[in-house]
Amino acid sequence: MCGAPGEIHQAEKRSQEIFYNQFFIHEDLNKLDMRNRWIGAIQEYKENKDSDKFAIPFGTIVAEIRLIAKPFVS
């Protein structure tokens, strides 16, 4: 199902921002072992279903990504 033209435009714009940010911050994400940390957090949540416990690594990961990406987002 297709979204409204405005929704499609927003999704396209956001996807371009994500690609741009990830392209330039890829090395920094690797240095922080971000992929494995994210997978670990997801796996732990799947096993324990503890959203309060999941919120801690999720919040940390999001904060770190925002710091890395900040110079590339206008």
C-alpha atoms as a PDB file:
ATOM      1  CA  MET A   1       0.000   0.000   0.000  1.00  0.00           C
ATOM      2  CA  CYS A   2       1.401   3.384  -0.971  1.00  0.00           C
ATOM      3  CA  GLY A   3       1.389   6.316   1.390  1.00  0.00           C
ATOM      4  CA  ALA A   4       0.274   9.830   0.649  1.00  0.00           C
ATOM      5  CA  PRO A   5       2.715  11.903  -1.433  1.00  0.00           C
ATOM      6  CA  GLY A   6       3.826  13.852   1.640  1.00  0.00           C
ATOM      7  CA  GLU A   7       4.489  10.659   3.569  1.00  0.00           C
ATOM      8  CA  ILE A   8       6.476   9.205   0.701  1.00  0.00           C
ATOM      9  CA  HIS A   9       8.542  12.371   0.450  1.00  0.00           C
ATOM     10  CA  GLN A  10       9.232  12.343   4.204  1.00  0.00           C
ATOM     11  CA  ALA A  11      10.240   8.678   4.123  1.00  0.00           C
ATOM     12  CA  GLU A  12      12.532   9.299   1.153  1.00  0.00           C
ATOM     13  CA  LYS A  13      14.116  12.316   2.830  1.00  0.00           C
ATOM     14  CA  ARG A  14      14.628  10.409   6.076  1.00  0.00           C
ATOM     15  CA  SER A  15      16.131   7.404   4.285  1.00  0.00           C
ATOM     16  CA  GLN A  16      18.607   9.680   2.529  1.00  0.00           C
ATOM     17  CA  GLU A  17      19.579  11.249   5.858  1.00  0.00           C
ATOM     18  CA  ILE A  18      20.111   7.824   7.388  1.00  0.00           C
ATOM     19  CA  PHE A  19      22.235   6.678   4.454  1.00  0.00           C
ATOM     20  CA  TYR A  20      24.285   9.863   4.531  1.00  0.00           C
ATOM     21  CA  ASN A  21      24.864   9.655   8.271  1.00  0.00           C
ATOM     22  CA  GLN A  22      25.694   5.972   8.289  1.00  0.00           C
ATOM     23  CA  PHE A  23      28.068   6.352   5.370  1.00  0.00           C
ATOM     24  CA  PHE A  24      30.146   8.935   7.199  1.00  0.00           C
ATOM     25  CA  ILE A  25      29.915   7.487  10.707  1.00  0.00           C
ATOM     26  CA  HIS A  26      30.446   3.838   9.787  1.00  0.00           C
ATOM     27  CA  GLU A  27      34.042   3.781  11.073  1.00  0.00           C
ATOM     28  CA  ASP A  28      33.022   5.360  14.381  1.00  0.00           C
ATOM     29  CA  LEU A  29      30.217   2.825  14.806  1.00  0.00           C
ATOM     30  CA  ASN A  30      32.678   0.005  14.212  1.00  0.00           C
ATOM     31  CA  LYS A  31      35.103   1.422  16.779  1.00  0.00           C
ATOM     32  CA  LEU A  32      32.317   1.368  19.364  1.00  0.00           C
ATOM     33  CA  ASP A  33      31.301  -2.195  18.360  1.00  0.00           C
ATOM     34  CA  MET A  34      27.831  -0.766  17.876  1.00  0.00           C
ATOM     35  CA  ARG A  35      26.455  -3.622  15.773  1.00  0.00           C
ATOM     36  CA  ASN A  36      27.346  -6.299  18.315  1.00  0.00           C
ATOM     37  CA  ARG A  37      26.127  -4.178  21.210  1.00  0.00           C
ATOM     38  CA  TRP A  38      22.783  -3.650  19.461  1.00  0.00           C
ATOM     39  CA  ILE A  39      22.431  -7.345  18.633  1.00  0.00           C
ATOM     40  CA  GLY A  40      23.278  -8.204  22.247  1.00  0.00           C
ATOM     41  CA  ALA A  41      20.684  -5.786  23.596  1.00  0.00           C
ATOM     42  CA  ILE A  42      17.999  -7.159  21.251  1.00  0.00           C
ATOM     43  CA  GLN A  43      18.893 -10.746  22.111  1.00  0.00           C
ATOM     44  CA  GLU A  44      18.735 -10.049  25.835  1.00  0.00           C
ATOM     45  CA  TYR A  45      15.338  -8.391  25.415  1.00  0.00           C
ATOM     46  CA  LYS A  46      14.028 -11.365  23.427  1.00  0.00           C
ATOM     47  CA  GLU A  47      15.108 -13.684  26.230  1.00  0.00           C
ATOM     48  CA  ASN A  48      13.967 -11.619  29.222  1.00  0.00           C
ATOM     49  CA  LYS A  49      11.219  -9.336  27.860  1.00  0.00           C
ATOM     50  CA  ASP A  50      12.384  -6.715  30.369  1.00  0.00           C
ATOM     51  CA  SER A  51      11.761  -3.346  28.700  1.00  0.00           C
ATOM     52  CA  ASP A  52      13.234  -1.414  31.641  1.00  0.00           C
ATOM     53  CA  LYS A  53      16.489  -3.326  31.340  1.00  0.00           C
ATOM     54  CA  PHE A  54      16.474  -2.924  27.535  1.00  0.00           C
ATOM     55  CA  ALA A  55      16.001   0.840  27.885  1.00  0.00           C
ATOM     56  CA  ILE A  56      19.502   1.220  29.326  1.00  0.00           C
ATOM     57  CA  PRO A  57      21.566  -0.102  26.382  1.00  0.00           C
ATOM     58  CA  PHE A  58      19.029   1.339  23.921  1.00  0.00           C
ATOM     59  CA  GLY A  59      19.361   4.821  25.415  1.00  0.00           C
ATOM     60  CA  THR A  60      23.145   4.572  25.506  1.00  0.00           C
ATOM     61  CA  ILE A  61      23.370   3.403  21.903  1.00  0.00           C
ATOM     62  CA  VAL A  62      20.998   6.105  20.645  1.00  0.00           C
ATOM     63  CA  ALA A  63      22.905   8.811  22.535  1.00  0.00           C
ATOM     64  CA  GLU A  64      26.247   7.636  21.140  1.00  0.00           C
ATOM     65  CA  ILE A  65      24.931   7.501  17.572  1.00  0.00           C
ATOM     66  CA  ARG A  66      23.475  10.995  17.890  1.00  0.00           C
ATOM     67  CA  LEU A  67      26.811  12.360  19.111  1.00  0.00           C
ATOM     68  CA  ILE A  68      28.656  10.766  16.224  1.00  0.00           C
ATOM     69  CA  ALA A  69      26.089  11.851  13.605  1.00  0.00           C
ATOM     70  CA  LYS A  70      25.516  15.384  14.913  1.00  0.00           C
ATOM     71  CA  PRO A  71      28.116  17.046  12.659  1.00  0.00           C
ATOM     72  CA  PHE A  72      26.438  15.533   9.574  1.00  0.00           C
ATOM     73  CA  VAL A  73      22.841  16.524  10.346  1.00  0.00           C
ATOM     74  CA  SER A  74      21.741  20.030   9.555  1.00  0.00           C
END
